[in-house]
Amino acid sequence: MVRRGRAAPRGQRGQAAIEYVGVLTLLLVVALAVVQLGIAVYAAQQAGTAARSAARVASTDHQTYRARAVALESMSGWLADGASVDAQDGGESVTVTVRVPIPALLPMFSFGSVEKSATMPSD
């Protein structure tokens, strides 16, 4: 014996498709937010690594003039393009500050920049 399913009432036709589109849109927004957060964390990590590397080199024999080149070399190329580096020689220590703009997945949004500093004792 074959049973036939009841037909959906007229007001509910296409309801599943609309719910699917709504959930899919929500999942897409959440996925984009997670990827954007990952990019921001990666930019912060790269800024910290660049600041430490540059401070380490700049602290040897007060070579602050090399800080910018070392910082940019120690970062990923796509982040190094917009980075700014500031090295301060304080006599007994050297402080290097690196500022990296956070890239946005969607160009209509701006997430500012991340700034990391590192201080090393001078040799």
PDB file of N, CA and C in Angstrom:
ATOM      1  N   MET A   1       0.837  -1.159   0.000  1.00  0.00           N
ATOM      2  CA  MET A   1       0.000   0.000   0.000  1.00  0.00           C
ATOM      3  C   MET A   1       0.897   1.241   0.000  1.00  0.00           C
ATOM      4  N   VAL A   2       0.632   2.118  -0.871  1.00  0.00           N
ATOM      5  CA  VAL A   2       1.413   3.335  -1.015  1.00  0.00           C
ATOM      6  C   VAL A   2       0.620   4.484  -0.415  1.00  0.00           C
ATOM      7  N   ARG A   3       1.312   5.205   0.449  1.00  0.00           N
ATOM      8  CA  ARG A   3       0.659   6.361   1.056  1.00  0.00           C
ATOM      9  C   ARG A   3       1.111   7.622   0.372  1.00  0.00           C
ATOM     10  N   ARG A   4       0.226   8.453   0.183  1.00  0.00           N
ATOM     11  CA  ARG A   4       0.558   9.741  -0.390  1.00  0.00           C
ATOM     12  C   ARG A   4       0.655  10.753   0.740  1.00  0.00           C
ATOM     13  N   GLY A   5       1.700  11.608   0.634  1.00  0.00           N
ATOM     14  CA  GLY A   5       1.836  12.673   1.630  1.00  0.00           C
ATOM     15  C   GLY A   5       0.806  13.751   1.381  1.00  0.00           C
ATOM     16  N   ARG A   6       0.483  14.395   2.424  1.00  0.00           N
ATOM     17  CA  ARG A   6      -0.474  15.490   2.278  1.00  0.00           C
ATOM     18  C   ARG A   6       0.219  16.677   1.651  1.00  0.00           C
ATOM     19  N   ALA A   7      -0.454  17.323   0.802  1.00  0.00           N
ATOM     20  CA  ALA A   7       0.086  18.528   0.171  1.00  0.00           C
ATOM     21  C   ALA A   7       0.133  19.645   1.211  1.00  0.00           C
ATOM     22  N   ALA A   8       1.167  20.449   1.107  1.00  0.00           N
ATOM     23  CA  ALA A   8       1.307  21.574   2.034  1.00  0.00           C
ATOM     24  C   ALA A   8       0.202  22.584   1.773  1.00  0.00           C
ATOM     25  N   PRO A   9      -0.258  23.208   2.828  1.00  0.00           N
ATOM     26  CA  PRO A   9      -1.259  24.260   2.619  1.00  0.00           C
ATOM     27  C   PRO A   9      -0.701  25.346   1.719  1.00  0.00           C
ATOM     28  N   ARG A  10      -1.576  26.042   1.033  1.00  0.00           N
ATOM     29  CA  ARG A  10      -1.146  27.031   0.056  1.00  0.00           C
ATOM     30  C   ARG A  10      -0.236  28.098   0.652  1.00  0.00           C
ATOM     31  N   GLY A  11      -0.424  28.512   1.856  1.00  0.00           N
ATOM     32  CA  GLY A  11       0.364  29.585   2.456  1.00  0.00           C
ATOM     33  C   GLY A  11       1.784  29.168   2.817  1.00  0.00           C
ATOM     34  N   GLN A  12       2.086  27.864   2.790  1.00  0.00           N
ATOM     35  CA  GLN A  12       3.405  27.399   3.216  1.00  0.00           C
ATOM     36  C   GLN A  12       4.255  26.867   2.074  1.00  0.00           C
ATOM     37  N   ARG A  13       3.837  27.006   0.883  1.00  0.00           N
ATOM     38  CA  ARG A  13       4.641  26.535  -0.241  1.00  0.00           C
ATOM     39  C   ARG A  13       5.894  27.379  -0.363  1.00  0.00           C
ATOM     40  N   GLY A  14       7.036  26.744  -0.510  1.00  0.00           N
ATOM     41  CA  GLY A  14       8.306  27.456  -0.640  1.00  0.00           C
ATOM     42  C   GLY A  14       8.904  27.878   0.694  1.00  0.00           C
ATOM     43  N   GLN A  15       8.267  27.490   1.789  1.00  0.00           N
ATOM     44  CA  GLN A  15       8.755  27.881   3.112  1.00  0.00           C
ATOM     45  C   GLN A  15      10.149  27.315   3.374  1.00  0.00           C
ATOM     46  N   ALA A  16      10.399  26.088   2.993  1.00  0.00           N
ATOM     47  CA  ALA A  16      11.705  25.465   3.229  1.00  0.00           C
ATOM     48  C   ALA A  16      12.806  26.187   2.460  1.00  0.00           C
ATOM     49  N   ALA A  17      12.521  26.600   1.252  1.00  0.00           N
ATOM     50  CA  ALA A  17      13.524  27.319   0.461  1.00  0.00           C
ATOM     51  C   ALA A  17      13.866  28.662   1.093  1.00  0.00           C
ATOM     52  N   ILE A  18      12.881  29.351   1.601  1.00  0.00           N
ATOM     53  CA  ILE A  18      13.126  30.646   2.245  1.00  0.00           C
ATOM     54  C   ILE A  18      13.931  30.457   3.527  1.00  0.00           C
ATOM     55  N   GLU A  19      13.605  29.441   4.313  1.00  0.00           N
ATOM     56  CA  GLU A  19      14.371  29.158   5.530  1.00  0.00           C
ATOM     57  C   GLU A  19      15.812  28.789   5.184  1.00  0.00           C
ATOM     58  N   TYR A  20      15.987  28.031   4.136  1.00  0.00           N
ATOM     59  CA  TYR A  20      17.331  27.636   3.705  1.00  0.00           C
ATOM     60  C   TYR A  20      18.162  28.859   3.320  1.00  0.00           C
ATOM     61  N   VAL A  21      17.584  29.775   2.577  1.00  0.00           N
ATOM     62  CA  VAL A  21      18.296  30.995   2.175  1.00  0.00           C
ATOM     63  C   VAL A  21      18.651  31.828   3.405  1.00  0.00           C
ATOM     64  N   GLY A  22      17.747  31.929   4.350  1.00  0.00           N
ATOM     65  CA  GLY A  22      18.013  32.692   5.571  1.00  0.00           C
ATOM     66  C   GLY A  22      19.143  32.099   6.392  1.00  0.00           C
ATOM     67  N   VAL A  23      19.129  30.800   6.573  1.00  0.00           N
ATOM     68  CA  VAL A  23      20.183  30.131   7.343  1.00  0.00           C
ATOM     69  C   VAL A  23      21.506  30.198   6.596  1.00  0.00           C
ATOM     70  N   LEU A  24      21.482  30.021   5.297  1.00  0.00           N
ATOM     71  CA  LEU A  24      22.708  30.084   4.506  1.00  0.00           C
ATOM     72  C   LEU A  24      23.337  31.474   4.581  1.00  0.00           C
ATOM     73  N   THR A  25      22.517  32.511   4.546  1.00  0.00           N
ATOM     74  CA  THR A  25      23.019  33.884   4.672  1.00  0.00           C
ATOM     75  C   THR A  25      23.664  34.090   6.035  1.00  0.00           C
ATOM     76  N   LEU A  26      23.026  33.619   7.072  1.00  0.00           N
ATOM     77  CA  LEU A  26      23.576  33.741   8.423  1.00  0.00           C
ATOM     78  C   LEU A  26      24.905  32.997   8.543  1.00  0.00           C
ATOM     79  N   LEU A  27      24.980  31.804   7.998  1.00  0.00           N
ATOM     80  CA  LEU A  27      26.229  31.035   8.042  1.00  0.00           C
ATOM     81  C   LEU A  27      27.344  31.728   7.271  1.00  0.00           C
ATOM     82  N   LEU A  28      27.017  32.346   6.162  1.00  0.00           N
ATOM     83  CA  LEU A  28      28.014  33.070   5.378  1.00  0.00           C
ATOM     84  C   LEU A  28      28.559  34.266   6.156  1.00  0.00           C
ATOM     85  N   VAL A  29      27.691  35.002   6.825  1.00  0.00           N
ATOM     86  CA  VAL A  29      28.128  36.153   7.622  1.00  0.00           C
ATOM     87  C   VAL A  29      29.021  35.697   8.771  1.00  0.00           C
ATOM     88  N   VAL A  30      28.656  34.623   9.443  1.00  0.00           N
ATOM     89  CA  VAL A  30      29.476  34.097  10.542  1.00  0.00           C
ATOM     90  C   VAL A  30      30.828  33.630  10.017  1.00  0.00           C
ATOM     91  N   ALA A  31      30.851  32.954   8.885  1.00  0.00           N
ATOM     92  CA  ALA A  31      32.118  32.487   8.310  1.00  0.00           C
ATOM     93  C   ALA A  31      33.021  33.661   7.941  1.00  0.00           C
ATOM     94  N   LEU A  32      32.462  34.700   7.342  1.00  0.00           N
ATOM     95  CA  LEU A  32      33.260  35.887   7.009  1.00  0.00           C
ATOM     96  C   LEU A  32      33.811  36.553   8.264  1.00  0.00           C
ATOM     97  N   ALA A  33      33.014  36.607   9.326  1.00  0.00           N
ATOM     98  CA  ALA A  33      33.478  37.203  10.584  1.00  0.00           C
ATOM     99  C   ALA A  33      34.624  36.396  11.185  1.00  0.00           C
ATOM    100  N   VAL A  34      34.538  35.084  11.121  1.00  0.00           N
ATOM    101  CA  VAL A  34      35.607  34.228  11.656  1.00  0.00           C
ATOM    102  C   VAL A  34      36.886  34.406  10.853  1.00  0.00           C
ATOM    103  N   VAL A  35      36.786  34.447   9.539  1.00  0.00           N
ATOM    104  CA  VAL A  35      37.973  34.642   8.700  1.00  0.00           C
ATOM    105  C   VAL A  35      38.575  36.023   8.944  1.00  0.00           C
ATOM    106  N   GLN A  36      37.741  37.054   9.082  1.00  0.00           N
ATOM    107  CA  GLN A  36      38.243  38.404   9.350  1.00  0.00           C
ATOM    108  C   GLN A  36      38.948  38.463  10.699  1.00  0.00           C
ATOM    109  N   LEU A  37      38.422  37.783  11.694  1.00  0.00           N
ATOM    110  CA  LEU A  37      39.076  37.720  12.999  1.00  0.00           C
ATOM    111  C   LEU A  37      40.433  37.039  12.883  1.00  0.00           C
ATOM    112  N   GLY A  38      40.506  35.972  12.106  1.00  0.00           N
ATOM    113  CA  GLY A  38      41.783  35.296  11.887  1.00  0.00           C
ATOM    114  C   GLY A  38      42.803  36.200  11.220  1.00  0.00           C
ATOM    115  N   ILE A  39      42.371  36.998  10.264  1.00  0.00           N
ATOM    116  CA  ILE A  39      43.280  37.938   9.593  1.00  0.00           C
ATOM    117  C   ILE A  39      43.780  38.988  10.578  1.00  0.00           C
ATOM    118  N   ALA A  40      42.897  39.479  11.442  1.00  0.00           N
ATOM    119  CA  ALA A  40      43.303  40.483  12.436  1.00  0.00           C
ATOM    120  C   ALA A  40      44.309  39.907  13.424  1.00  0.00           C
ATOM    121  N   VAL A  41      44.084  38.696  13.871  1.00  0.00           N
ATOM    122  CA  VAL A  41      45.020  38.048  14.801  1.00  0.00           C
ATOM    123  C   VAL A  41      46.356  37.801  14.113  1.00  0.00           C
ATOM    124  N   TYR A  42      46.323  37.392  12.862  1.00  0.00           N
ATOM    125  CA  TYR A  42      47.564  37.165  12.120  1.00  0.00           C
ATOM    126  C   TYR A  42      48.345  38.462  11.942  1.00  0.00           C
ATOM    127  N   ALA A  43      47.650  39.560  11.663  1.00  0.00           N
ATOM    128  CA  ALA A  43      48.317  40.860  11.525  1.00  0.00           C
ATOM    129  C   ALA A  43      48.974  41.264  12.838  1.00  0.00           C
ATOM    130  N   ALA A  44      48.298  41.025  13.956  1.00  0.00           N
ATOM    131  CA  ALA A  44      48.876  41.347  15.268  1.00  0.00           C
ATOM    132  C   ALA A  44      50.104  40.490  15.548  1.00  0.00           C
ATOM    133  N   GLN A  45      50.042  39.221  15.205  1.00  0.00           N
ATOM    134  CA  GLN A  45      51.183  38.328  15.417  1.00  0.00           C
ATOM    135  C   GLN A  45      52.364  38.756  14.563  1.00  0.00           C
ATOM    136  N   GLN A  46      52.108  39.125  13.328  1.00  0.00           N
ATOM    137  CA  GLN A  46      53.182  39.564  12.437  1.00  0.00           C
ATOM    138  C   GLN A  46      53.805  40.872  12.921  1.00  0.00           C
ATOM    139  N   ALA A  47      52.996  41.788  13.439  1.00  0.00           N
ATOM    140  CA  ALA A  47      53.518  43.050  13.969  1.00  0.00           C
ATOM    141  C   ALA A  47      54.406  42.791  15.179  1.00  0.00           C
ATOM    142  N   GLY A  48      54.001  41.885  16.054  1.00  0.00           N
ATOM    143  CA  GLY A  48      54.813  41.547  17.224  1.00  0.00           C
ATOM    144  C   GLY A  48      56.130  40.905  16.845  1.00  0.00           C
ATOM    145  N   THR A  49      56.090  39.983  15.900  1.00  0.00           N
ATOM    146  CA  THR A  49      57.318  39.335  15.435  1.00  0.00           C
ATOM    147  C   THR A  49      58.254  40.342  14.793  1.00  0.00           C
ATOM    148  N   ALA A  50      57.716  41.230  13.986  1.00  0.00           N
ATOM    149  CA  ALA A  50      58.541  42.246  13.325  1.00  0.00           C
ATOM    150  C   ALA A  50      59.166  43.190  14.344  1.00  0.00           C
ATOM    151  N   ALA A  51      58.404  43.591  15.358  1.00  0.00           N
ATOM    152  CA  ALA A  51      58.934  44.498  16.378  1.00  0.00           C
ATOM    153  C   ALA A  51      60.061  43.836  17.166  1.00  0.00           C
ATOM    154  N   ARG A  52      59.890  42.574  17.544  1.00  0.00           N
ATOM    155  CA  ARG A  52      60.948  41.866  18.288  1.00  0.00           C
ATOM    156  C   ARG A  52      62.198  41.680  17.443  1.00  0.00           C
ATOM    157  N   SER A  53      62.031  41.281  16.204  1.00  0.00           N
ATOM    158  CA  SER A  53      63.197  41.078  15.330  1.00  0.00           C
ATOM    159  C   SER A  53      63.948  42.381  15.108  1.00  0.00           C
ATOM    160  N   ALA A  54      63.215  43.441  14.842  1.00  0.00           N
ATOM    161  CA  ALA A  54      63.853  44.734  14.593  1.00  0.00           C
ATOM    162  C   ALA A  54      64.529  45.265  15.850  1.00  0.00           C
ATOM    163  N   ALA A  55      63.903  45.096  17.009  1.00  0.00           N
ATOM    164  CA  ALA A  55      64.506  45.564  18.262  1.00  0.00           C
ATOM    165  C   ALA A  55      65.773  44.780  18.579  1.00  0.00           C
ATOM    166  N   ARG A  56      65.767  43.489  18.293  1.00  0.00           N
ATOM    167  CA  ARG A  56      66.950  42.659  18.538  1.00  0.00           C
ATOM    168  C   ARG A  56      68.125  43.142  17.696  1.00  0.00           C
ATOM    169  N   VAL A  57      67.878  43.414  16.427  1.00  0.00           N
ATOM    170  CA  VAL A  57      68.951  43.880  15.539  1.00  0.00           C
ATOM    171  C   VAL A  57      69.356  45.308  15.889  1.00  0.00           C
ATOM    172  N   ALA A  58      68.383  46.167  16.155  1.00  0.00           N
ATOM    173  CA  ALA A  58      68.687  47.573  16.449  1.00  0.00           C
ATOM    174  C   ALA A  58      69.452  47.733  17.759  1.00  0.00           C
ATOM    175  N   SER A  59      69.294  46.792  18.679  1.00  0.00           N
ATOM    176  CA  SER A  59      69.976  46.908  19.970  1.00  0.00           C
ATOM    177  C   SER A  59      71.458  46.549  19.893  1.00  0.00           C
ATOM    178  N   THR A  60      71.866  45.845  18.865  1.00  0.00           N
ATOM    179  CA  THR A  60      73.285  45.503  18.730  1.00  0.00           C
ATOM    180  C   THR A  60      74.024  46.684  18.129  1.00  0.00           C
ATOM    181  N   ASP A  61      74.928  47.236  18.886  1.00  0.00           N
ATOM    182  CA  ASP A  61      75.751  48.376  18.468  1.00  0.00           C
ATOM    183  C   ASP A  61      74.915  49.572  18.016  1.00  0.00           C
ATOM    184  N   HIS A  62      73.734  49.755  18.603  1.00  0.00           N
ATOM    185  CA  HIS A  62      72.857  50.907  18.320  1.00  0.00           C
ATOM    186  C   HIS A  62      72.585  51.080  16.818  1.00  0.00           C
ATOM    187  N   GLN A  63      72.209  50.006  16.162  1.00  0.00           N
ATOM    188  CA  GLN A  63      71.942  50.034  14.716  1.00  0.00           C
ATOM    189  C   GLN A  63      70.453  50.265  14.443  1.00  0.00           C
ATOM    190  N   THR A  64      69.926  51.364  14.948  1.00  0.00           N
ATOM    191  CA  THR A  64      68.494  51.639  14.748  1.00  0.00           C
ATOM    192  C   THR A  64      68.156  51.897  13.285  1.00  0.00           C
ATOM    193  N   TYR A  65      69.139  52.275  12.498  1.00  0.00           N
ATOM    194  CA  TYR A  65      68.885  52.531  11.074  1.00  0.00           C
ATOM    195  C   TYR A  65      68.492  51.261  10.332  1.00  0.00           C
ATOM    196  N   ARG A  66      68.808  50.092  10.889  1.00  0.00           N
ATOM    197  CA  ARG A  66      68.458  48.823  10.238  1.00  0.00           C
ATOM    198  C   ARG A  66      67.092  48.300  10.668  1.00  0.00           C
ATOM    199  N   ALA A  67      66.477  48.949  11.639  1.00  0.00           N
ATOM    200  CA  ALA A  67      65.231  48.426  12.217  1.00  0.00           C
ATOM    201  C   ALA A  67      64.120  48.279  11.178  1.00  0.00           C
ATOM    202  N   ARG A  68      63.918  49.278  10.354  1.00  0.00           N
ATOM    203  CA  ARG A  68      62.828  49.232   9.370  1.00  0.00           C
ATOM    204  C   ARG A  68      63.010  48.077   8.391  1.00  0.00           C
ATOM    205  N   ALA A  69      64.213  47.941   7.858  1.00  0.00           N
ATOM    206  CA  ALA A  69      64.458  46.872   6.880  1.00  0.00           C
ATOM    207  C   ALA A  69      64.249  45.497   7.507  1.00  0.00           C
ATOM    208  N   VAL A  70      64.743  45.307   8.721  1.00  0.00           N
ATOM    209  CA  VAL A  70      64.602  44.005   9.387  1.00  0.00           C
ATOM    210  C   VAL A  70      63.133  43.723   9.704  1.00  0.00           C
ATOM    211  N   ALA A  71      62.411  44.731  10.166  1.00  0.00           N
ATOM    212  CA  ALA A  71      60.993  44.537  10.495  1.00  0.00           C
ATOM    213  C   ALA A  71      60.198  44.138   9.258  1.00  0.00           C
ATOM    214  N   LEU A  72      60.425  44.818   8.156  1.00  0.00           N
ATOM    215  CA  LEU A  72      59.673  44.510   6.937  1.00  0.00           C
ATOM    216  C   LEU A  72      60.056  43.154   6.359  1.00  0.00           C
ATOM    217  N   GLU A  73      61.323  42.754   6.517  1.00  0.00           N
ATOM    218  CA  GLU A  73      61.753  41.440   6.024  1.00  0.00           C
ATOM    219  C   GLU A  73      61.161  40.302   6.845  1.00  0.00           C
ATOM    220  N   SER A  74      60.873  40.551   8.109  1.00  0.00           N
ATOM    221  CA  SER A  74      60.380  39.475   8.971  1.00  0.00           C
ATOM    222  C   SER A  74      58.856  39.322   8.911  1.00  0.00           C
ATOM    223  N   MET A  75      58.197  40.130   8.100  1.00  0.00           N
ATOM    224  CA  MET A  75      56.741  40.046   7.955  1.00  0.00           C
ATOM    225  C   MET A  75      56.362  39.450   6.606  1.00  0.00           C
ATOM    226  N   SER A  76      55.127  38.983   6.519  1.00  0.00           N
ATOM    227  CA  SER A  76      54.592  38.543   5.231  1.00  0.00           C
ATOM    228  C   SER A  76      54.520  39.741   4.298  1.00  0.00           C
ATOM    229  N   GLY A  77      54.811  39.518   3.032  1.00  0.00           N
ATOM    230  CA  GLY A  77      54.858  40.606   2.067  1.00  0.00           C
ATOM    231  C   GLY A  77      53.565  41.383   1.942  1.00  0.00           C
ATOM    232  N   TRP A  78      52.423  40.704   1.986  1.00  0.00           N
ATOM    233  CA  TRP A  78      51.147  41.388   1.811  1.00  0.00           C
ATOM    234  C   TRP A  78      50.790  42.256   3.007  1.00  0.00           C
ATOM    235  N   LEU A  79      51.423  42.030   4.160  1.00  0.00           N
ATOM    236  CA  LEU A  79      51.204  42.897   5.315  1.00  0.00           C
ATOM    237  C   LEU A  79      52.278  43.974   5.421  1.00  0.00           C
ATOM    238  N   ALA A  80      53.471  43.669   4.930  1.00  0.00           N
ATOM    239  CA  ALA A  80      54.593  44.606   5.053  1.00  0.00           C
ATOM    240  C   ALA A  80      54.399  45.851   4.196  1.00  0.00           C
ATOM    241  N   ASP A  81      53.604  45.756   3.151  1.00  0.00           N
ATOM    242  CA  ASP A  81      53.423  46.896   2.243  1.00  0.00           C
ATOM    243  C   ASP A  81      52.896  48.143   2.951  1.00  0.00           C
ATOM    244  N   GLY A  82      51.972  47.979   3.875  1.00  0.00           N
ATOM    245  CA  GLY A  82      51.388  49.143   4.541  1.00  0.00           C
ATOM    246  C   GLY A  82      51.911  49.386   5.940  1.00  0.00           C
ATOM    247  N   ALA A  83      52.937  48.644   6.354  1.00  0.00           N
ATOM    248  CA  ALA A  83      53.436  48.742   7.728  1.00  0.00           C
ATOM    249  C   ALA A  83      54.305  49.977   7.928  1.00  0.00           C
ATOM    250  N   SER A  84      54.279  50.494   9.150  1.00  0.00           N
ATOM    251  CA  SER A  84      55.177  51.593   9.514  1.00  0.00           C
ATOM    252  C   SER A  84      56.003  51.156  10.721  1.00  0.00           C
ATOM    253  N   VAL A  85      57.267  51.582  10.736  1.00  0.00           N
ATOM    254  CA  VAL A  85      58.213  51.171  11.777  1.00  0.00           C
ATOM    255  C   VAL A  85      58.838  52.415  12.379  1.00  0.00           C
ATOM    256  N   ASP A  86      58.891  52.450  13.715  1.00  0.00           N
ATOM    257  CA  ASP A  86      59.525  53.557  14.422  1.00  0.00           C
ATOM    258  C   ASP A  86      60.499  52.971  15.436  1.00  0.00           C
ATOM    259  N   ALA A  87      61.765  53.373  15.366  1.00  0.00           N
ATOM    260  CA  ALA A  87      62.796  52.891  16.294  1.00  0.00           C
ATOM    261  C   ALA A  87      63.295  54.051  17.145  1.00  0.00           C
ATOM    262  N   GLN A  88      63.325  53.848  18.454  1.00  0.00           N
ATOM    263  CA  GLN A  88      63.796  54.856  19.401  1.00  0.00           C
ATOM    264  C   GLN A  88      64.969  54.286  20.189  1.00  0.00           C
ATOM    265  N   ASP A  89      66.098  54.971  20.145  1.00  0.00           N
ATOM    266  CA  ASP A  89      67.279  54.557  20.909  1.00  0.00           C
ATOM    267  C   ASP A  89      67.294  55.351  22.206  1.00  0.00           C
ATOM    268  N   GLY A  90      67.063  54.666  23.318  1.00  0.00           N
ATOM    269  CA  GLY A  90      67.009  55.333  24.613  1.00  0.00           C
ATOM    270  C   GLY A  90      68.295  55.247  25.401  1.00  0.00           C
ATOM    271  N   GLY A  91      69.402  54.945  24.763  1.00  0.00           N
ATOM    272  CA  GLY A  91      70.685  54.838  25.454  1.00  0.00           C
ATOM    273  C   GLY A  91      70.931  53.428  25.969  1.00  0.00           C
ATOM    274  N   GLU A  92      70.209  53.020  27.005  1.00  0.00           N
ATOM    275  CA  GLU A  92      70.392  51.682  27.565  1.00  0.00           C
ATOM    276  C   GLU A  92      69.494  50.647  26.901  1.00  0.00           C
ATOM    277  N   SER A  93      68.503  51.100  26.165  1.00  0.00           N
ATOM    278  CA  SER A  93      67.594  50.172  25.488  1.00  0.00           C
ATOM    279  C   SER A  93      67.116  50.777  24.172  1.00  0.00           C
ATOM    280  N   VAL A  94      66.607  49.904  23.333  1.00  0.00           N
ATOM    281  CA  VAL A  94      66.056  50.305  22.039  1.00  0.00           C
ATOM    282  C   VAL A  94      64.611  49.818  21.988  1.00  0.00           C
ATOM    283  N   THR A  95      63.715  50.703  21.596  1.00  0.00           N
ATOM    284  CA  THR A  95      62.302  50.346  21.461  1.00  0.00           C
ATOM    285  C   THR A  95      61.888  50.509  20.006  1.00  0.00           C
ATOM    286  N   VAL A  96      61.295  49.465  19.477  1.00  0.00           N
ATOM    287  CA  VAL A  96      60.799  49.494  18.097  1.00  0.00           C
ATOM    288  C   VAL A  96      59.291  49.285  18.138  1.00  0.00           C
ATOM    289  N   THR A  97      58.572  50.150  17.444  1.00  0.00           N
ATOM    290  CA  THR A  97      57.117  50.059  17.351  1.00  0.00           C
ATOM    291  C   THR A  97      56.743  49.823  15.892  1.00  0.00           C
ATOM    292  N   VAL A  98      55.918  48.805  15.679  1.00  0.00           N
ATOM    293  CA  VAL A  98      55.465  48.461  14.326  1.00  0.00           C
ATOM    294  C   VAL A  98      53.947  48.597  14.289  1.00  0.00           C
ATOM    295  N   ARG A  99      53.451  49.304  13.297  1.00  0.00           N
ATOM    296  CA  ARG A  99      52.007  49.471  13.097  1.00  0.00           C
ATOM    297  C   ARG A  99      51.643  48.843  11.755  1.00  0.00           C
ATOM    298  N   VAL A 100      50.669  47.936  11.802  1.00  0.00           N
ATOM    299  CA  VAL A 100      50.244  47.216  10.601  1.00  0.00           C
ATOM    300  C   VAL A 100      48.741  47.426  10.407  1.00  0.00           C
ATOM    301  N   PRO A 101      48.319  47.909   9.244  1.00  0.00           N
ATOM    302  CA  PRO A 101      46.874  48.013   8.990  1.00  0.00           C
ATOM    303  C   PRO A 101      46.259  46.621   8.835  1.00  0.00           C
ATOM    304  N   ILE A 102      45.082  46.447   9.399  1.00  0.00           N
ATOM    305  CA  ILE A 102      44.398  45.155   9.312  1.00  0.00           C
ATOM    306  C   ILE A 102      43.652  45.098   7.982  1.00  0.00           C
ATOM    307  N   PRO A 103      44.015  44.159   7.106  1.00  0.00           N
ATOM    308  CA  PRO A 103      43.318  44.041   5.821  1.00  0.00           C
ATOM    309  C   PRO A 103      41.863  43.610   6.031  1.00  0.00           C
ATOM    310  N   ALA A 104      40.982  44.106   5.204  1.00  0.00           N
ATOM    311  CA  ALA A 104      39.560  43.762   5.289  1.00  0.00           C
ATOM    312  C   ALA A 104      39.175  42.866   4.119  1.00  0.00           C
ATOM    313  N   LEU A 105      38.369  41.858   4.413  1.00  0.00           N
ATOM    314  CA  LEU A 105      37.868  40.990   3.348  1.00  0.00           C
ATOM    315  C   LEU A 105      36.929  41.755   2.421  1.00  0.00           C
ATOM    316  N   LEU A 106      36.119  42.590   3.005  1.00  0.00           N
ATOM    317  CA  LEU A 106      35.187  43.403   2.224  1.00  0.00           C
ATOM    318  C   LEU A 106      35.666  44.847   2.268  1.00  0.00           C
ATOM    319  N   PRO A 107      35.907  45.458   1.126  1.00  0.00           N
ATOM    320  CA  PRO A 107      36.502  46.798   1.097  1.00  0.00           C
ATOM    321  C   PRO A 107      35.642  47.891   1.728  1.00  0.00           C
ATOM    322  N   MET A 108      34.372  47.620   1.959  1.00  0.00           N
ATOM    323  CA  MET A 108      33.517  48.656   2.556  1.00  0.00           C
ATOM    324  C   MET A 108      33.736  48.803   4.062  1.00  0.00           C
ATOM    325  N   PHE A 109      34.482  47.879   4.676  1.00  0.00           N
ATOM    326  CA  PHE A 109      34.754  47.934   6.107  1.00  0.00           C
ATOM    327  C   PHE A 109      36.206  48.307   6.352  1.00  0.00           C
ATOM    328  N   SER A 110      36.447  48.988   7.456  1.00  0.00           N
ATOM    329  CA  SER A 110      37.806  49.330   7.863  1.00  0.00           C
ATOM    330  C   SER A 110      37.984  48.889   9.310  1.00  0.00           C
ATOM    331  N   PHE A 111      39.062  48.173   9.577  1.00  0.00           N
ATOM    332  CA  PHE A 111      39.296  47.644  10.914  1.00  0.00           C
ATOM    333  C   PHE A 111      40.480  48.308  11.602  1.00  0.00           C
ATOM    334  N   GLY A 112      40.953  49.401  11.046  1.00  0.00           N
ATOM    335  CA  GLY A 112      42.044  50.136  11.684  1.00  0.00           C
ATOM    336  C   GLY A 112      43.375  49.421  11.539  1.00  0.00           C
ATOM    337  N   SER A 113      44.201  49.578  12.546  1.00  0.00           N
ATOM    338  CA  SER A 113      45.519  48.949  12.501  1.00  0.00           C
ATOM    339  C   SER A 113      45.863  48.399  13.874  1.00  0.00           C
ATOM    340  N   VAL A 114      46.879  47.573  13.901  1.00  0.00           N
ATOM    341  CA  VAL A 114      47.374  47.000  15.148  1.00  0.00           C
ATOM    342  C   VAL A 114      48.794  47.511  15.362  1.00  0.00           C
ATOM    343  N   GLU A 115      49.130  47.803  16.606  1.00  0.00           N
ATOM    344  CA  GLU A 115      50.449  48.350  16.919  1.00  0.00           C
ATOM    345  C   GLU A 115      51.094  47.493  17.999  1.00  0.00           C
ATOM    346  N   LYS A 116      52.324  47.075  17.751  1.00  0.00           N
ATOM    347  CA  LYS A 116      53.084  46.275  18.714  1.00  0.00           C
ATOM    348  C   LYS A 116      54.448  46.914  18.920  1.00  0.00           C
ATOM    349  N   SER A 117      54.932  46.865  20.151  1.00  0.00           N
ATOM    350  CA  SER A 117      56.246  47.419  20.483  1.00  0.00           C
ATOM    351  C   SER A 117      57.091  46.354  21.154  1.00  0.00           C
ATOM    352  N   ALA A 118      58.395  46.478  20.982  1.00  0.00           N
ATOM    353  CA  ALA A 118      59.347  45.596  21.655  1.00  0.00           C
ATOM    354  C   ALA A 118      60.537  46.430  22.107  1.00  0.00           C
ATOM    355  N   THR A 119      61.022  46.144  23.303  1.00  0.00           N
ATOM    356  CA  THR A 119      62.176  46.846  23.859  1.00  0.00           C
ATOM    357  C   THR A 119      63.253  45.826  24.180  1.00  0.00           C
ATOM    358  N   MET A 120      64.465  46.114  23.734  1.00  0.00           N
ATOM    359  CA  MET A 120      65.618  45.244  23.997  1.00  0.00           C
ATOM    360  C   MET A 120      66.734  46.093  24.608  1.00  0.00           C
ATOM    361  N   PRO A 121      67.491  45.508  25.537  1.00  0.00           N
ATOM    362  CA  PRO A 121      68.629  46.247  26.098  1.00  0.00           C
ATOM    363  C   PRO A 121      69.728  46.414  25.054  1.00  0.00           C
ATOM    364  N   SER A 122      70.383  47.567  25.075  1.00  0.00           N
ATOM    365  CA  SER A 122      71.464  47.829  24.115  1.00  0.00           C
ATOM    366  C   SER A 122      72.716  47.064  24.515  1.00  0.00           C
ATOM    367  N   ASP A 123      73.445  46.625  23.516  1.00  0.00           N
ATOM    368  CA  ASP A 123      74.720  45.931  23.761  1.00  0.00           C
ATOM    369  C   ASP A 123      75.853  46.920  23.827  1.00  0.00           C
TER     370      ASP A 123
END
